[in-house]
N, C-alpha and C. Protein backbone atom coordinates (compact mmCIF):
# COMPACT_ATOMS: atom_id res chain seq x y z
N MET A 1 -4.44 8.22 -66.07
CA MET A 1 -4.38 6.96 -65.31
C MET A 1 -3.83 5.86 -66.21
N LEU A 2 -2.88 5.18 -65.68
CA LEU A 2 -2.27 4.09 -66.43
C LEU A 2 -3.17 2.88 -66.43
N ASN A 3 -3.42 2.31 -67.59
CA ASN A 3 -4.22 1.09 -67.69
C ASN A 3 -3.36 -0.11 -67.35
N MET A 4 -3.84 -0.93 -66.41
CA MET A 4 -3.11 -2.12 -66.01
C MET A 4 -3.75 -3.35 -66.64
N PHE A 5 -2.94 -4.24 -67.14
CA PHE A 5 -3.44 -5.48 -67.71
C PHE A 5 -2.69 -6.64 -67.08
N LYS A 6 -3.43 -7.69 -66.76
CA LYS A 6 -2.81 -8.85 -66.13
C LYS A 6 -1.72 -9.46 -67.00
N THR A 7 -1.89 -9.38 -68.32
CA THR A 7 -0.88 -9.95 -69.22
C THR A 7 0.45 -9.21 -69.08
N GLU A 8 0.40 -7.89 -68.85
CA GLU A 8 1.63 -7.12 -68.68
C GLU A 8 2.33 -7.52 -67.38
N ILE A 9 1.54 -7.74 -66.35
CA ILE A 9 2.11 -8.18 -65.09
C ILE A 9 2.72 -9.57 -65.25
N GLU A 10 2.01 -10.45 -65.93
CA GLU A 10 2.51 -11.80 -66.16
C GLU A 10 3.80 -11.78 -66.96
N ASN A 11 3.84 -10.93 -67.99
CA ASN A 11 5.06 -10.84 -68.80
C ASN A 11 6.24 -10.34 -67.97
N TYR A 12 5.96 -9.38 -67.09
CA TYR A 12 7.03 -8.87 -66.23
C TYR A 12 7.54 -9.95 -65.28
N ILE A 13 6.62 -10.65 -64.64
CA ILE A 13 7.00 -11.71 -63.70
C ILE A 13 7.81 -12.79 -64.42
N ASN A 14 7.39 -13.14 -65.62
CA ASN A 14 8.10 -14.17 -66.39
C ASN A 14 9.50 -13.72 -66.80
N SER A 15 9.73 -12.42 -66.82
CA SER A 15 11.04 -11.91 -67.21
C SER A 15 12.04 -11.87 -66.05
N LEU A 16 11.54 -12.09 -64.84
CA LEU A 16 12.39 -11.99 -63.66
C LEU A 16 13.26 -13.22 -63.48
N GLU A 17 14.45 -13.01 -63.00
CA GLU A 17 15.34 -14.11 -62.64
C GLU A 17 15.45 -14.15 -61.12
N LYS A 18 14.32 -14.48 -60.50
CA LYS A 18 14.24 -14.54 -59.06
C LYS A 18 13.63 -15.86 -58.64
N SER A 19 13.66 -16.14 -57.34
CA SER A 19 13.11 -17.40 -56.83
C SER A 19 11.61 -17.44 -57.05
N GLN A 20 11.05 -18.64 -57.02
CA GLN A 20 9.62 -18.81 -57.21
C GLN A 20 8.82 -18.06 -56.15
N ASN A 21 9.28 -18.10 -54.91
CA ASN A 21 8.58 -17.41 -53.83
C ASN A 21 8.57 -15.90 -54.05
N THR A 22 9.69 -15.35 -54.50
CA THR A 22 9.76 -13.91 -54.77
C THR A 22 8.85 -13.53 -55.91
N CYS A 23 8.84 -14.33 -56.97
CA CYS A 23 7.97 -14.06 -58.12
C CYS A 23 6.50 -14.09 -57.71
N MET A 24 6.14 -15.04 -56.86
CA MET A 24 4.75 -15.14 -56.41
C MET A 24 4.38 -13.92 -55.56
N ALA A 25 5.30 -13.47 -54.72
CA ALA A 25 5.04 -12.30 -53.88
C ALA A 25 4.90 -11.04 -54.74
N TYR A 26 5.78 -10.87 -55.72
CA TYR A 26 5.71 -9.72 -56.62
C TYR A 26 4.40 -9.73 -57.40
N SER A 27 4.02 -10.90 -57.91
CA SER A 27 2.78 -11.01 -58.67
C SER A 27 1.58 -10.62 -57.80
N ARG A 28 1.57 -11.11 -56.58
CA ARG A 28 0.48 -10.79 -55.66
C ARG A 28 0.43 -9.28 -55.37
N ASP A 29 1.60 -8.67 -55.16
CA ASP A 29 1.65 -7.23 -54.90
C ASP A 29 1.08 -6.43 -56.07
N LEU A 30 1.48 -6.80 -57.27
CA LEU A 30 1.09 -6.04 -58.46
C LEU A 30 -0.39 -6.24 -58.80
N LEU A 31 -0.90 -7.44 -58.59
CA LEU A 31 -2.32 -7.68 -58.85
C LEU A 31 -3.19 -6.94 -57.83
N GLN A 32 -2.70 -6.83 -56.60
CA GLN A 32 -3.44 -6.04 -55.60
C GLN A 32 -3.45 -4.57 -55.98
N MET A 33 -2.32 -4.08 -56.49
CA MET A 33 -2.26 -2.70 -56.96
C MET A 33 -3.22 -2.48 -58.11
N GLU A 34 -3.22 -3.40 -59.08
CA GLU A 34 -4.10 -3.27 -60.23
C GLU A 34 -5.56 -3.24 -59.80
N THR A 35 -5.94 -4.15 -58.90
CA THR A 35 -7.32 -4.19 -58.41
C THR A 35 -7.70 -2.89 -57.73
N PHE A 36 -6.79 -2.37 -56.90
CA PHE A 36 -7.06 -1.11 -56.20
C PHE A 36 -7.29 0.03 -57.19
N LEU A 37 -6.43 0.13 -58.19
CA LEU A 37 -6.54 1.23 -59.15
C LEU A 37 -7.79 1.11 -60.01
N GLN A 38 -8.21 -0.12 -60.30
CA GLN A 38 -9.42 -0.30 -61.07
C GLN A 38 -10.66 0.08 -60.27
N LEU A 39 -10.62 -0.23 -58.97
CA LEU A 39 -11.75 0.09 -58.10
C LEU A 39 -11.76 1.55 -57.66
N ASN A 40 -10.60 2.20 -57.79
CA ASN A 40 -10.48 3.61 -57.39
C ASN A 40 -9.85 4.41 -58.52
N PRO A 41 -10.60 4.65 -59.59
CA PRO A 41 -10.05 5.32 -60.77
C PRO A 41 -9.58 6.74 -60.52
N ASP A 42 -9.98 7.33 -59.38
CA ASP A 42 -9.54 8.68 -59.07
C ASP A 42 -8.19 8.70 -58.36
N LYS A 43 -7.70 7.52 -58.00
CA LYS A 43 -6.42 7.43 -57.31
C LYS A 43 -5.27 7.25 -58.30
N THR A 44 -4.09 7.73 -57.91
CA THR A 44 -2.90 7.55 -58.74
C THR A 44 -2.01 6.46 -58.15
N VAL A 45 -1.05 6.03 -58.94
CA VAL A 45 -0.11 5.03 -58.45
C VAL A 45 0.64 5.55 -57.23
N ARG A 46 1.05 6.80 -57.25
CA ARG A 46 1.79 7.38 -56.14
C ARG A 46 0.93 7.42 -54.88
N GLU A 47 -0.34 7.73 -55.04
CA GLU A 47 -1.24 7.75 -53.88
C GLU A 47 -1.38 6.35 -53.30
N TYR A 48 -1.48 5.35 -54.18
CA TYR A 48 -1.56 3.97 -53.71
C TYR A 48 -0.28 3.60 -52.95
N ALA A 49 0.86 3.97 -53.51
CA ALA A 49 2.14 3.66 -52.88
C ALA A 49 2.26 4.32 -51.52
N GLU A 50 1.75 5.55 -51.40
CA GLU A 50 1.81 6.26 -50.12
C GLU A 50 0.81 5.69 -49.13
N ASP A 51 -0.33 5.19 -49.63
CA ASP A 51 -1.36 4.63 -48.76
C ASP A 51 -0.92 3.33 -48.10
N ILE A 52 -0.16 2.50 -48.85
CA ILE A 52 0.18 1.17 -48.32
C ILE A 52 1.19 1.23 -47.18
N ILE A 53 1.81 2.39 -46.98
CA ILE A 53 2.76 2.52 -45.88
C ILE A 53 2.05 2.34 -44.55
N SER A 54 0.80 2.82 -44.49
CA SER A 54 0.04 2.77 -43.25
C SER A 54 -0.41 1.34 -42.94
N GLY A 55 -0.09 0.87 -41.76
CA GLY A 55 -0.58 -0.42 -41.30
C GLY A 55 0.19 -1.63 -41.78
N LYS A 56 1.28 -1.43 -42.51
CA LYS A 56 2.07 -2.57 -43.00
C LYS A 56 3.48 -2.52 -42.42
N ALA A 57 4.05 -3.69 -42.25
CA ALA A 57 5.42 -3.77 -41.75
C ALA A 57 6.36 -3.14 -42.78
N SER A 58 7.45 -2.52 -42.28
CA SER A 58 8.37 -1.84 -43.19
C SER A 58 8.98 -2.80 -44.19
N SER A 59 9.20 -4.07 -43.78
CA SER A 59 9.77 -5.06 -44.70
C SER A 59 8.79 -5.37 -45.83
N THR A 60 7.49 -5.40 -45.51
CA THR A 60 6.47 -5.65 -46.54
C THR A 60 6.38 -4.48 -47.50
N VAL A 61 6.39 -3.27 -46.95
CA VAL A 61 6.34 -2.07 -47.80
C VAL A 61 7.55 -2.03 -48.71
N SER A 62 8.71 -2.37 -48.20
CA SER A 62 9.92 -2.37 -49.01
C SER A 62 9.79 -3.33 -50.19
N ARG A 63 9.23 -4.52 -49.93
CA ARG A 63 9.06 -5.50 -51.02
C ARG A 63 8.05 -4.99 -52.04
N VAL A 64 6.93 -4.42 -51.57
CA VAL A 64 5.91 -3.91 -52.50
C VAL A 64 6.48 -2.80 -53.36
N TYR A 65 7.24 -1.89 -52.75
CA TYR A 65 7.86 -0.81 -53.52
C TYR A 65 8.81 -1.38 -54.56
N SER A 66 9.55 -2.41 -54.18
CA SER A 66 10.50 -3.03 -55.11
C SER A 66 9.76 -3.65 -56.30
N SER A 67 8.66 -4.34 -56.01
CA SER A 67 7.91 -4.97 -57.10
C SER A 67 7.29 -3.92 -58.02
N MET A 68 6.77 -2.84 -57.45
CA MET A 68 6.16 -1.78 -58.26
C MET A 68 7.21 -1.05 -59.08
N ASN A 69 8.32 -0.73 -58.45
CA ASN A 69 9.41 -0.04 -59.15
C ASN A 69 9.90 -0.85 -60.33
N GLY A 70 10.12 -2.15 -60.08
CA GLY A 70 10.59 -3.02 -61.15
C GLY A 70 9.58 -3.12 -62.28
N PHE A 71 8.31 -3.21 -61.93
CA PHE A 71 7.27 -3.34 -62.95
C PHE A 71 7.21 -2.11 -63.85
N PHE A 72 7.26 -0.94 -63.23
CA PHE A 72 7.15 0.29 -64.03
C PHE A 72 8.43 0.56 -64.83
N ARG A 73 9.57 0.13 -64.31
CA ARG A 73 10.80 0.24 -65.11
C ARG A 73 10.71 -0.69 -66.33
N TYR A 74 10.10 -1.86 -66.10
CA TYR A 74 9.89 -2.81 -67.20
C TYR A 74 8.99 -2.20 -68.27
N LEU A 75 7.88 -1.59 -67.85
CA LEU A 75 6.97 -0.96 -68.81
C LEU A 75 7.65 0.20 -69.54
N LEU A 76 8.51 0.92 -68.81
CA LEU A 76 9.25 2.03 -69.41
C LEU A 76 10.19 1.52 -70.49
N ASP A 77 10.88 0.44 -70.19
CA ASP A 77 11.80 -0.16 -71.16
C ASP A 77 11.05 -0.70 -72.38
N GLN A 78 9.81 -1.16 -72.16
CA GLN A 78 9.00 -1.69 -73.25
C GLN A 78 8.32 -0.59 -74.06
N GLY A 79 8.48 0.66 -73.63
CA GLY A 79 7.88 1.78 -74.34
C GLY A 79 6.38 1.92 -74.11
N LYS A 80 5.87 1.31 -73.03
CA LYS A 80 4.43 1.36 -72.78
C LYS A 80 4.03 2.51 -71.87
N ILE A 81 5.00 3.13 -71.21
CA ILE A 81 4.76 4.33 -70.43
C ILE A 81 5.90 5.30 -70.70
N GLU A 82 5.67 6.57 -70.41
CA GLU A 82 6.67 7.59 -70.69
C GLU A 82 7.51 7.94 -69.48
N SER A 83 7.02 7.60 -68.28
CA SER A 83 7.79 7.89 -67.07
C SER A 83 7.39 6.90 -65.98
N ASN A 84 8.28 6.73 -65.02
CA ASN A 84 8.03 5.82 -63.92
C ASN A 84 7.29 6.57 -62.81
N PRO A 85 6.03 6.22 -62.52
CA PRO A 85 5.28 6.94 -61.49
C PRO A 85 5.87 6.75 -60.08
N MET A 86 6.78 5.79 -59.91
CA MET A 86 7.41 5.57 -58.61
C MET A 86 8.67 6.41 -58.44
N GLU A 87 9.05 7.14 -59.48
CA GLU A 87 10.27 7.94 -59.44
C GLU A 87 10.25 8.90 -58.25
N GLY A 88 11.31 8.85 -57.45
CA GLY A 88 11.41 9.75 -56.30
C GLY A 88 10.82 9.20 -55.02
N LEU A 89 10.06 8.11 -55.10
CA LEU A 89 9.48 7.50 -53.91
C LEU A 89 10.43 6.44 -53.36
N SER A 90 10.59 6.42 -52.08
CA SER A 90 11.44 5.41 -51.46
C SER A 90 10.70 4.78 -50.29
N ALA A 91 10.92 3.49 -50.11
CA ALA A 91 10.26 2.78 -49.03
C ALA A 91 10.88 3.17 -47.70
N PRO A 92 10.11 3.07 -46.62
CA PRO A 92 10.68 3.38 -45.30
C PRO A 92 11.80 2.42 -44.96
N LYS A 93 12.75 2.90 -44.20
CA LYS A 93 13.88 2.06 -43.81
C LYS A 93 13.40 0.93 -42.90
N ILE A 94 13.99 -0.24 -43.11
CA ILE A 94 13.65 -1.40 -42.28
C ILE A 94 14.45 -1.31 -40.98
N ILE A 95 13.73 -1.27 -39.88
CA ILE A 95 14.38 -1.20 -38.57
C ILE A 95 14.48 -2.62 -38.02
N ARG A 96 15.67 -3.08 -37.85
CA ARG A 96 15.89 -4.44 -37.36
C ARG A 96 16.24 -4.42 -35.87
N ASN A 97 15.75 -5.44 -35.19
CA ASN A 97 16.09 -5.56 -33.78
C ASN A 97 17.57 -5.89 -33.64
N PRO A 98 18.24 -5.27 -32.68
CA PRO A 98 19.68 -5.57 -32.50
C PRO A 98 19.87 -7.02 -32.11
N ARG A 99 20.94 -7.63 -32.63
CA ARG A 99 21.21 -9.01 -32.32
C ARG A 99 21.72 -9.16 -30.89
N ARG A 100 21.32 -10.25 -30.25
CA ARG A 100 21.79 -10.54 -28.90
C ARG A 100 22.52 -11.87 -28.92
N GLU A 101 23.71 -11.88 -28.36
CA GLU A 101 24.48 -13.11 -28.29
C GLU A 101 23.85 -14.05 -27.26
N LEU A 102 23.83 -15.34 -27.57
CA LEU A 102 23.33 -16.32 -26.61
C LEU A 102 24.32 -16.46 -25.47
N THR A 103 23.79 -16.66 -24.27
CA THR A 103 24.67 -16.93 -23.13
C THR A 103 25.17 -18.37 -23.24
N GLU A 104 26.21 -18.70 -22.47
CA GLU A 104 26.73 -20.07 -22.49
C GLU A 104 25.67 -21.05 -22.02
N GLU A 105 24.85 -20.63 -21.06
CA GLU A 105 23.77 -21.49 -20.57
C GLU A 105 22.74 -21.75 -21.68
N GLU A 106 22.41 -20.70 -22.45
CA GLU A 106 21.46 -20.86 -23.53
C GLU A 106 22.02 -21.73 -24.64
N LYS A 107 23.32 -21.60 -24.90
CA LYS A 107 23.95 -22.46 -25.90
C LYS A 107 23.89 -23.92 -25.49
N THR A 108 24.10 -24.18 -24.21
CA THR A 108 24.03 -25.55 -23.70
C THR A 108 22.62 -26.10 -23.85
N VAL A 109 21.63 -25.26 -23.56
CA VAL A 109 20.22 -25.68 -23.70
C VAL A 109 19.93 -26.02 -25.16
N LEU A 110 20.39 -25.15 -26.08
CA LEU A 110 20.12 -25.36 -27.50
C LEU A 110 20.83 -26.61 -28.01
N ARG A 111 22.07 -26.83 -27.56
CA ARG A 111 22.81 -28.04 -27.96
C ARG A 111 22.07 -29.31 -27.56
N ASN A 112 21.40 -29.26 -26.41
CA ASN A 112 20.76 -30.46 -25.87
C ASN A 112 19.30 -30.60 -26.28
N MET A 113 18.77 -29.66 -27.06
CA MET A 113 17.36 -29.70 -27.40
C MET A 113 16.97 -30.84 -28.34
N PRO A 114 17.74 -31.13 -29.40
CA PRO A 114 17.34 -32.26 -30.27
C PRO A 114 17.37 -33.56 -29.50
N LYS A 115 16.19 -34.12 -29.23
CA LYS A 115 16.10 -35.32 -28.40
C LYS A 115 15.97 -36.58 -29.25
N GLY A 116 16.30 -37.71 -28.65
CA GLY A 116 16.09 -39.00 -29.29
C GLY A 116 17.18 -39.35 -30.28
N TYR A 117 16.93 -40.44 -31.00
CA TYR A 117 17.93 -40.97 -31.93
C TYR A 117 17.41 -41.00 -33.37
N GLY A 118 16.33 -40.28 -33.62
CA GLY A 118 15.82 -40.21 -34.98
C GLY A 118 16.80 -39.49 -35.88
N ASP A 119 16.68 -39.74 -37.18
CA ASP A 119 17.64 -39.17 -38.14
C ASP A 119 17.65 -37.65 -38.11
N LYS A 120 16.47 -37.04 -37.99
CA LYS A 120 16.40 -35.57 -37.95
C LYS A 120 17.08 -35.03 -36.70
N ALA A 121 16.87 -35.68 -35.56
CA ALA A 121 17.48 -35.22 -34.32
C ALA A 121 19.00 -35.32 -34.39
N VAL A 122 19.50 -36.41 -34.97
CA VAL A 122 20.95 -36.58 -35.12
C VAL A 122 21.52 -35.49 -36.02
N ARG A 123 20.82 -35.21 -37.12
CA ARG A 123 21.26 -34.13 -38.02
C ARG A 123 21.25 -32.79 -37.31
N ASP A 124 20.17 -32.52 -36.59
CA ASP A 124 20.04 -31.22 -35.93
C ASP A 124 21.11 -31.02 -34.87
N ARG A 125 21.43 -32.08 -34.11
CA ARG A 125 22.52 -31.98 -33.13
C ARG A 125 23.83 -31.63 -33.82
N ALA A 126 24.07 -32.25 -34.97
CA ALA A 126 25.31 -31.99 -35.71
C ALA A 126 25.34 -30.55 -36.22
N MET A 127 24.23 -30.07 -36.76
CA MET A 127 24.18 -28.70 -37.28
C MET A 127 24.44 -27.68 -36.18
N ILE A 128 23.80 -27.87 -35.04
CA ILE A 128 23.94 -26.92 -33.94
C ILE A 128 25.37 -26.95 -33.39
N ALA A 129 25.93 -28.14 -33.28
CA ALA A 129 27.31 -28.27 -32.78
C ALA A 129 28.29 -27.58 -33.72
N VAL A 130 28.13 -27.79 -35.03
CA VAL A 130 29.01 -27.14 -36.02
C VAL A 130 28.83 -25.63 -35.97
N MET A 131 27.61 -25.17 -35.82
CA MET A 131 27.33 -23.74 -35.76
C MET A 131 28.07 -23.08 -34.60
N PHE A 132 28.00 -23.69 -33.42
CA PHE A 132 28.65 -23.10 -32.25
C PHE A 132 30.17 -23.24 -32.29
N ASP A 133 30.66 -24.34 -32.82
CA ASP A 133 32.12 -24.54 -32.88
C ASP A 133 32.80 -23.60 -33.87
N THR A 134 32.16 -23.38 -35.00
CA THR A 134 32.80 -22.63 -36.08
C THR A 134 32.42 -21.16 -36.13
N GLY A 135 31.20 -20.82 -35.66
CA GLY A 135 30.73 -19.45 -35.78
C GLY A 135 30.39 -19.06 -37.21
N LEU A 136 30.27 -20.07 -38.09
CA LEU A 136 29.94 -19.79 -39.49
C LEU A 136 28.53 -19.24 -39.63
N LYS A 137 28.31 -18.44 -40.67
CA LYS A 137 26.98 -17.96 -40.98
C LYS A 137 26.15 -19.12 -41.52
N VAL A 138 24.83 -18.96 -41.43
CA VAL A 138 23.92 -20.01 -41.89
C VAL A 138 24.17 -20.35 -43.35
N SER A 139 24.37 -19.32 -44.18
CA SER A 139 24.58 -19.55 -45.61
C SER A 139 25.81 -20.42 -45.85
N SER A 140 26.83 -20.28 -44.99
CA SER A 140 28.04 -21.09 -45.13
C SER A 140 27.81 -22.51 -44.63
N ILE A 141 27.05 -22.64 -43.55
CA ILE A 141 26.80 -23.97 -42.98
C ILE A 141 26.00 -24.84 -43.95
N ILE A 142 24.97 -24.29 -44.55
CA ILE A 142 24.13 -25.10 -45.44
C ILE A 142 24.84 -25.43 -46.75
N ASN A 143 25.93 -24.71 -47.05
CA ASN A 143 26.68 -24.98 -48.28
C ASN A 143 27.91 -25.85 -48.04
N LEU A 144 28.12 -26.29 -46.81
CA LEU A 144 29.25 -27.17 -46.52
C LEU A 144 29.11 -28.49 -47.27
N THR A 145 30.22 -29.00 -47.76
CA THR A 145 30.23 -30.32 -48.39
C THR A 145 30.98 -31.28 -47.47
N LEU A 146 30.95 -32.56 -47.82
CA LEU A 146 31.67 -33.55 -47.02
C LEU A 146 33.17 -33.26 -47.00
N GLU A 147 33.69 -32.73 -48.12
CA GLU A 147 35.11 -32.42 -48.19
C GLU A 147 35.47 -31.25 -47.28
N ASP A 148 34.54 -30.32 -47.10
CA ASP A 148 34.82 -29.11 -46.32
C ASP A 148 35.08 -29.41 -44.85
N ILE A 149 34.46 -30.47 -44.33
CA ILE A 149 34.53 -30.69 -42.89
C ILE A 149 35.94 -30.97 -42.40
N HIS A 150 36.81 -31.42 -43.32
CA HIS A 150 38.19 -31.69 -42.92
C HIS A 150 38.95 -30.41 -42.60
N GLU A 151 38.43 -29.28 -43.08
CA GLU A 151 39.08 -28.00 -42.86
C GLU A 151 38.53 -27.28 -41.63
N LEU A 152 37.48 -27.80 -41.03
CA LEU A 152 36.84 -27.12 -39.91
C LEU A 152 37.56 -27.40 -38.60
N GLN A 153 37.64 -26.38 -37.76
CA GLN A 153 38.22 -26.53 -36.42
C GLN A 153 37.09 -26.93 -35.47
N LEU A 154 37.00 -28.23 -35.16
CA LEU A 154 35.92 -28.74 -34.34
C LEU A 154 36.47 -29.43 -33.09
N THR A 155 35.68 -29.39 -32.04
CA THR A 155 36.07 -30.11 -30.82
C THR A 155 35.86 -31.61 -31.04
N GLY A 156 36.46 -32.41 -30.18
CA GLY A 156 36.30 -33.85 -30.29
C GLY A 156 34.85 -34.26 -30.13
N GLU A 157 34.13 -33.57 -29.25
CA GLU A 157 32.71 -33.89 -29.04
C GLU A 157 31.91 -33.64 -30.31
N THR A 158 32.17 -32.50 -30.95
CA THR A 158 31.44 -32.18 -32.17
C THR A 158 31.80 -33.15 -33.29
N ARG A 159 33.07 -33.54 -33.38
CA ARG A 159 33.49 -34.53 -34.38
C ARG A 159 32.70 -35.82 -34.21
N SER A 160 32.54 -36.22 -32.95
CA SER A 160 31.81 -37.45 -32.67
C SER A 160 30.34 -37.32 -33.07
N ILE A 161 29.75 -36.18 -32.76
CA ILE A 161 28.34 -35.92 -33.12
C ILE A 161 28.19 -35.91 -34.63
N LEU A 162 29.15 -35.28 -35.31
CA LEU A 162 29.11 -35.19 -36.76
C LEU A 162 29.28 -36.57 -37.40
N ASP A 163 30.15 -37.39 -36.84
CA ASP A 163 30.34 -38.75 -37.37
C ASP A 163 29.06 -39.58 -37.26
N ASP A 164 28.34 -39.41 -36.13
CA ASP A 164 27.07 -40.13 -35.96
C ASP A 164 26.11 -39.77 -37.09
N TYR A 165 26.14 -38.50 -37.48
CA TYR A 165 25.25 -38.05 -38.56
C TYR A 165 25.74 -38.55 -39.92
N ILE A 166 27.01 -38.35 -40.22
CA ILE A 166 27.54 -38.68 -41.54
C ILE A 166 27.46 -40.17 -41.83
N TYR A 167 27.82 -40.99 -40.84
CA TYR A 167 27.90 -42.43 -41.08
C TYR A 167 26.62 -43.18 -40.69
N GLY A 168 25.59 -42.43 -40.40
CA GLY A 168 24.33 -43.07 -40.05
C GLY A 168 23.12 -42.38 -40.64
N SER A 169 22.74 -41.28 -40.03
CA SER A 169 21.47 -40.63 -40.37
C SER A 169 21.47 -39.93 -41.73
N ARG A 170 22.64 -39.49 -42.19
CA ARG A 170 22.68 -38.75 -43.45
C ARG A 170 22.18 -39.59 -44.61
N ASP A 171 22.63 -40.83 -44.71
CA ASP A 171 22.19 -41.71 -45.80
C ASP A 171 20.68 -41.95 -45.74
N ALA A 172 20.15 -42.05 -44.54
CA ALA A 172 18.70 -42.26 -44.39
C ALA A 172 17.93 -41.05 -44.88
N LEU A 173 18.43 -39.85 -44.58
CA LEU A 173 17.76 -38.63 -45.02
C LEU A 173 17.88 -38.44 -46.54
N LEU A 174 19.02 -38.83 -47.10
CA LEU A 174 19.21 -38.69 -48.55
C LEU A 174 18.28 -39.62 -49.32
N ALA A 175 17.90 -40.73 -48.72
CA ALA A 175 16.95 -41.67 -49.34
C ALA A 175 17.37 -42.04 -50.76
N GLY A 176 18.67 -42.30 -50.94
CA GLY A 176 19.17 -42.73 -52.24
C GLY A 176 19.52 -41.61 -53.19
N LYS A 177 19.25 -40.36 -52.83
CA LYS A 177 19.58 -39.24 -53.71
C LYS A 177 21.05 -38.89 -53.60
N ASN A 178 21.57 -38.31 -54.67
CA ASN A 178 22.96 -37.89 -54.70
C ASN A 178 23.04 -36.41 -54.35
N CYS A 179 23.61 -36.11 -53.21
CA CYS A 179 23.68 -34.72 -52.73
C CYS A 179 25.07 -34.48 -52.16
N ASP A 180 25.75 -33.43 -52.64
CA ASP A 180 27.11 -33.18 -52.16
C ASP A 180 27.14 -32.30 -50.92
N ARG A 181 26.00 -31.75 -50.54
CA ARG A 181 25.95 -30.92 -49.34
C ARG A 181 25.97 -31.78 -48.09
N LEU A 182 26.56 -31.26 -47.05
CA LEU A 182 26.66 -32.00 -45.80
C LEU A 182 25.30 -32.23 -45.15
N PHE A 183 24.52 -31.18 -45.06
CA PHE A 183 23.23 -31.28 -44.38
C PHE A 183 22.08 -31.34 -45.38
N ALA A 184 21.24 -32.37 -45.24
CA ALA A 184 20.11 -32.58 -46.16
C ALA A 184 18.81 -32.53 -45.38
N ASN A 185 17.72 -32.22 -46.11
CA ASN A 185 16.41 -32.26 -45.46
C ASN A 185 15.80 -33.65 -45.61
N CYS A 186 14.55 -33.78 -45.20
CA CYS A 186 13.91 -35.11 -45.20
C CYS A 186 13.57 -35.61 -46.60
N ASP A 187 13.71 -34.74 -47.61
CA ASP A 187 13.47 -35.15 -48.99
C ASP A 187 14.75 -35.54 -49.70
N GLY A 188 15.86 -35.50 -48.99
CA GLY A 188 17.14 -35.83 -49.60
C GLY A 188 17.76 -34.69 -50.37
N ASN A 189 17.19 -33.48 -50.24
CA ASN A 189 17.72 -32.30 -50.93
C ASN A 189 18.53 -31.45 -49.95
N PRO A 190 19.40 -30.57 -50.46
CA PRO A 190 20.18 -29.71 -49.57
C PRO A 190 19.26 -28.89 -48.68
N LEU A 191 19.64 -28.74 -47.44
CA LEU A 191 18.86 -27.94 -46.51
C LEU A 191 18.94 -26.48 -46.91
N SER A 192 17.82 -25.80 -46.90
CA SER A 192 17.79 -24.39 -47.29
C SER A 192 18.03 -23.50 -46.07
N ARG A 193 18.33 -22.24 -46.35
CA ARG A 193 18.54 -21.26 -45.26
C ARG A 193 17.27 -21.13 -44.43
N GLN A 194 16.12 -21.08 -45.12
CA GLN A 194 14.85 -20.97 -44.41
C GLN A 194 14.60 -22.21 -43.55
N GLY A 195 14.94 -23.38 -44.10
CA GLY A 195 14.76 -24.61 -43.37
C GLY A 195 15.62 -24.66 -42.12
N PHE A 196 16.86 -24.18 -42.25
CA PHE A 196 17.78 -24.15 -41.10
C PHE A 196 17.20 -23.29 -39.99
N TRP A 197 16.77 -22.07 -40.34
CA TRP A 197 16.26 -21.15 -39.31
C TRP A 197 14.95 -21.65 -38.71
N LYS A 198 14.15 -22.35 -39.49
CA LYS A 198 12.91 -22.93 -38.97
C LYS A 198 13.23 -23.94 -37.87
N ILE A 199 14.27 -24.74 -38.11
CA ILE A 199 14.69 -25.73 -37.12
C ILE A 199 15.20 -25.05 -35.86
N ILE A 200 16.06 -24.04 -36.03
CA ILE A 200 16.63 -23.34 -34.88
C ILE A 200 15.54 -22.63 -34.08
N ARG A 201 14.59 -21.98 -34.79
CA ARG A 201 13.50 -21.30 -34.08
C ARG A 201 12.68 -22.26 -33.25
N LYS A 202 12.46 -23.46 -33.78
CA LYS A 202 11.69 -24.46 -33.04
C LYS A 202 12.39 -24.84 -31.74
N TYR A 203 13.68 -25.09 -31.82
CA TYR A 203 14.42 -25.49 -30.63
C TYR A 203 14.56 -24.36 -29.61
N THR A 204 14.76 -23.14 -30.10
CA THR A 204 14.85 -22.01 -29.15
C THR A 204 13.50 -21.79 -28.46
N ARG A 205 12.43 -21.98 -29.22
CA ARG A 205 11.09 -21.83 -28.62
C ARG A 205 10.83 -22.93 -27.60
N ASP A 206 11.14 -24.17 -27.98
CA ASP A 206 10.93 -25.30 -27.08
C ASP A 206 11.82 -25.21 -25.84
N GLY A 207 13.00 -24.61 -26.02
CA GLY A 207 13.92 -24.48 -24.89
C GLY A 207 13.71 -23.24 -24.06
N GLY A 208 12.71 -22.44 -24.44
CA GLY A 208 12.44 -21.22 -23.69
C GLY A 208 13.48 -20.14 -23.83
N ILE A 209 14.21 -20.16 -24.96
CA ILE A 209 15.27 -19.17 -25.20
C ILE A 209 14.67 -17.95 -25.92
């Protein structure tokens, strides 16, 4: 049985070049594994890995397997173990729901969902209009700069919506911060991919889409 120490897990997490959220998730996965193995000394790492498949979403299992695999490869590189106990184990495939295109009626509903004249609503109208006009992926939309918009093929209506945002609400959202991205959040920082989808999910839910 491999002895697990929190310091080894901490050292591994500190060696990662990943986002803070990913590091926190990996740390939580590994500490749960360590606790399980300490409470069940008759169990092996492979048995634990096989047990967690039951009752967990495939995406969660995939992340846990990734964190465990990385940790044991790290220990192997450090010379603290002689073999990777995860060798040969693979996480179940993630089954994703097929994408469905929005109907024109649903697109109209979504375009009209941001209500009022608040800065967030003006920004959200602009984001949704740009999304439908260009067909760009979310990662591309959130990385647009002010210079990029001159290259976009937009309708006159969307240009007008975008101008309302750029020459009005954008400065209010930036709150004096210097940001080269077109779309900013309420803290004046670039809007994240997660933030974008959170906004879209809210409007689709409110619009009954």
